[in-house]
Amino acid sequence: MWLLTNFGFFSIVQKEGEEQLTIRSRALEDLETLRQKYLPELCEVFEGAGTDYRYRARTSHESFAEALKKIALDIHYSNFKNSVAKEQGHGRAGIYGQVWKTLWRIDEEE
């Protein structure tokens, strides 16, 4: 699962043979904010332990589900990209905007 929020970008997977979820990010600050605001059970972040995501941490499915609930309950903005700009700056909002433009093509495929 890819999760783009106004406080960070995450890739969440369950590695083969593991019980916990691995939450991956390209920015350490994103994982730290996730832990601080929504997922205090997130294990210590480890760096450079894989492919294209520099930072990783693990948690249980249950803890992650509770964090998603908290994240959902914390949505109080009318425009996602503007909220990203406010929380993380215009640079990150611009990157998310490029993702949005790329995803626009899904509509063209139908």
C-alpha atoms as a PDB file:
ATOM      1  CA  MET A   1       0.000   0.000   0.000  1.00  0.00           C
ATOM      2  CA  TRP A   2       1.173   3.484  -0.756  1.00  0.00           C
ATOM      3  CA  LEU A   3      -0.051   6.054   1.709  1.00  0.00           C
ATOM      4  CA  LEU A   4       0.294   9.734   0.890  1.00  0.00           C
ATOM      5  CA  THR A   5      -0.688  12.004   3.755  1.00  0.00           C
ATOM      6  CA  ASN A   6      -0.230  15.669   4.504  1.00  0.00           C
ATOM      7  CA  PHE A   7       2.581  14.662   6.899  1.00  0.00           C
ATOM      8  CA  GLY A   8       4.410  12.025   4.852  1.00  0.00           C
ATOM      9  CA  PHE A   9       4.656   9.338   2.189  1.00  0.00           C
ATOM     10  CA  PHE A  10       4.842   5.660   3.121  1.00  0.00           C
ATOM     11  CA  SER A  11       4.977   2.252   1.485  1.00  0.00           C
ATOM     12  CA  ILE A  12       3.494  -0.449   3.699  1.00  0.00           C
ATOM     13  CA  VAL A  13       4.131  -4.142   3.042  1.00  0.00           C
ATOM     14  CA  GLN A  14       4.220  -7.463   4.832  1.00  0.00           C
ATOM     15  CA  LYS A  15       7.462  -9.192   3.926  1.00  0.00           C
ATOM     16  CA  GLU A  16       7.297 -12.909   3.213  1.00  0.00           C
ATOM     17  CA  GLY A  17       7.775 -14.951   6.363  1.00  0.00           C
ATOM     18  CA  GLU A  18       7.181 -11.983   8.693  1.00  0.00           C
ATOM     19  CA  GLU A  19       4.174 -11.320  10.890  1.00  0.00           C
ATOM     20  CA  GLN A  20       4.556  -7.557  11.200  1.00  0.00           C
ATOM     21  CA  LEU A  21       4.133  -4.849   8.634  1.00  0.00           C
ATOM     22  CA  THR A  22       7.148  -2.950   7.363  1.00  0.00           C
ATOM     23  CA  ILE A  23       6.521   0.756   6.882  1.00  0.00           C
ATOM     24  CA  ARG A  24       9.037   2.270   4.485  1.00  0.00           C
ATOM     25  CA  SER A  25       9.773   5.884   3.692  1.00  0.00           C
ATOM     26  CA  ARG A  26      12.275   7.970   1.779  1.00  0.00           C
ATOM     27  CA  ALA A  27      12.332  10.626   4.512  1.00  0.00           C
ATOM     28  CA  LEU A  28      13.188   9.936   8.146  1.00  0.00           C
ATOM     29  CA  GLU A  29      11.005  12.855   9.251  1.00  0.00           C
ATOM     30  CA  ASP A  30       7.942  11.158   7.774  1.00  0.00           C
ATOM     31  CA  LEU A  31       8.359   8.061   9.946  1.00  0.00           C
ATOM     32  CA  GLU A  32       9.165  10.149  13.009  1.00  0.00           C
ATOM     33  CA  THR A  33       5.997  12.205  12.499  1.00  0.00           C
ATOM     34  CA  LEU A  34       3.946   9.044  11.996  1.00  0.00           C
ATOM     35  CA  ARG A  35       5.233   7.690  15.309  1.00  0.00           C
ATOM     36  CA  GLN A  36       4.789  10.963  17.188  1.00  0.00           C
ATOM     37  CA  LYS A  37       1.274  11.760  15.982  1.00  0.00           C
ATOM     38  CA  TYR A  38      -0.387   8.429  15.263  1.00  0.00           C
ATOM     39  CA  LEU A  39       1.673   5.289  15.875  1.00  0.00           C
ATOM     40  CA  PRO A  40       3.695   5.353  19.108  1.00  0.00           C
ATOM     41  CA  GLU A  41       4.084   1.560  18.857  1.00  0.00           C
ATOM     42  CA  LEU A  42       6.242   1.900  15.741  1.00  0.00           C
ATOM     43  CA  CYS A  43       9.597   0.219  16.360  1.00  0.00           C
ATOM     44  CA  GLU A  44      12.891   2.040  16.022  1.00  0.00           C
ATOM     45  CA  VAL A  45      13.613   3.230  12.501  1.00  0.00           C
ATOM     46  CA  PHE A  46      16.456   1.498  10.718  1.00  0.00           C
ATOM     47  CA  GLU A  47      18.315   3.014   7.782  1.00  0.00           C
ATOM     48  CA  GLY A  48      19.689   1.618   4.562  1.00  0.00           C
ATOM     49  CA  ALA A  49      18.287  -1.861   4.966  1.00  0.00           C
ATOM     50  CA  GLY A  50      16.826  -2.436   1.557  1.00  0.00           C
ATOM     51  CA  THR A  51      16.062  -1.311  -1.911  1.00  0.00           C
ATOM     52  CA  ASP A  52      14.699   2.097  -2.797  1.00  0.00           C
ATOM     53  CA  TYR A  53      13.359   3.121   0.626  1.00  0.00           C
ATOM     54  CA  ARG A  54      16.118   4.423   2.869  1.00  0.00           C
ATOM     55  CA  TYR A  55      14.137   4.240   6.136  1.00  0.00           C
ATOM     56  CA  ARG A  56      12.035   1.415   7.564  1.00  0.00           C
ATOM     57  CA  ALA A  57      10.210   0.488  10.743  1.00  0.00           C
ATOM     58  CA  ARG A  58       7.878  -2.301  11.787  1.00  0.00           C
ATOM     59  CA  THR A  59       4.561  -2.531  13.556  1.00  0.00           C
ATOM     60  CA  SER A  60       1.652  -4.917  13.989  1.00  0.00           C
ATOM     61  CA  HIS A  61      -1.369  -4.929  11.716  1.00  0.00           C
ATOM     62  CA  GLU A  62      -3.551  -3.955  14.664  1.00  0.00           C
ATOM     63  CA  SER A  63      -1.423  -0.945  15.613  1.00  0.00           C
ATOM     64  CA  PHE A  64      -1.304   0.217  12.005  1.00  0.00           C
ATOM     65  CA  ALA A  65      -5.079  -0.141  11.677  1.00  0.00           C
ATOM     66  CA  GLU A  66      -5.556   2.024  14.777  1.00  0.00           C
ATOM     67  CA  ALA A  67      -3.154   4.603  13.339  1.00  0.00           C
ATOM     68  CA  LEU A  68      -5.131   4.699  10.081  1.00  0.00           C
ATOM     69  CA  LYS A  69      -8.289   5.337  12.072  1.00  0.00           C
ATOM     70  CA  LYS A  70      -6.614   8.267  13.869  1.00  0.00           C
ATOM     71  CA  ILE A  71      -5.311   9.644  10.576  1.00  0.00           C
ATOM     72  CA  ALA A  72      -8.802   9.458   9.054  1.00  0.00           C
ATOM     73  CA  LEU A  73     -10.341  11.210  12.045  1.00  0.00           C
ATOM     74  CA  ASP A  74      -7.746  13.986  11.706  1.00  0.00           C
ATOM     75  CA  ILE A  75      -8.763  14.986   8.147  1.00  0.00           C
ATOM     76  CA  HIS A  76     -10.195  18.500   8.370  1.00  0.00           C
ATOM     77  CA  TYR A  77      -9.001  20.105   5.136  1.00  0.00           C
ATOM     78  CA  SER A  78     -10.889  20.792   1.918  1.00  0.00           C
ATOM     79  CA  ASN A  79      -7.859  20.527  -0.390  1.00  0.00           C
ATOM     80  CA  PHE A  80      -5.203  17.857   0.104  1.00  0.00           C
ATOM     81  CA  LYS A  81      -2.401  19.522  -1.866  1.00  0.00           C
ATOM     82  CA  ASN A  82      -2.884  22.804  -0.005  1.00  0.00           C
ATOM     83  CA  SER A  83      -2.731  20.934   3.292  1.00  0.00           C
ATOM     84  CA  VAL A  84       0.523  19.259   2.214  1.00  0.00           C
ATOM     85  CA  ALA A  85       1.980  22.678   1.339  1.00  0.00           C
ATOM     86  CA  LYS A  86       0.973  23.997   4.758  1.00  0.00           C
ATOM     87  CA  GLU A  87       2.326  20.981   6.682  1.00  0.00           C
ATOM     88  CA  GLN A  88       5.415  20.077   4.634  1.00  0.00           C
ATOM     89  CA  GLY A  89       6.073  22.973   2.298  1.00  0.00           C
ATOM     90  CA  HIS A  90       5.605  23.735  -1.367  1.00  0.00           C
ATOM     91  CA  GLY A  91       8.399  21.387  -2.452  1.00  0.00           C
ATOM     92  CA  ARG A  92       6.633  18.313  -1.131  1.00  0.00           C
ATOM     93  CA  ALA A  93       3.286  19.591  -2.391  1.00  0.00           C
ATOM     94  CA  GLY A  94       4.826  19.914  -5.857  1.00  0.00           C
ATOM     95  CA  ILE A  95       6.062  16.321  -5.747  1.00  0.00           C
ATOM     96  CA  TYR A  96       2.609  15.115  -4.701  1.00  0.00           C
ATOM     97  CA  GLY A  97       1.143  17.227  -7.511  1.00  0.00           C
ATOM     98  CA  GLN A  98       3.283  15.334 -10.018  1.00  0.00           C
ATOM     99  CA  VAL A  99       1.995  12.040  -8.608  1.00  0.00           C
ATOM    100  CA  TRP A 100      -1.558  13.386  -8.964  1.00  0.00           C
ATOM    101  CA  LYS A 101      -0.891  14.292 -12.615  1.00  0.00           C
ATOM    102  CA  THR A 102       0.489  10.826 -13.325  1.00  0.00           C
ATOM    103  CA  LEU A 103      -2.507   9.153 -11.690  1.00  0.00           C
ATOM    104  CA  TRP A 104      -4.813  11.272 -13.861  1.00  0.00           C
ATOM    105  CA  ARG A 105      -3.926   8.850 -16.678  1.00  0.00           C
ATOM    106  CA  ILE A 106      -5.909   6.099 -14.936  1.00  0.00           C
ATOM    107  CA  ASP A 107      -9.056   7.816 -16.206  1.00  0.00           C
ATOM    108  CA  GLU A 108      -7.651   7.818 -19.736  1.00  0.00           C
ATOM    109  CA  GLU A 109      -7.142   4.055 -19.743  1.00  0.00           C
ATOM    110  CA  GLU A 110     -10.824   3.266 -19.282  1.00  0.00           C
END
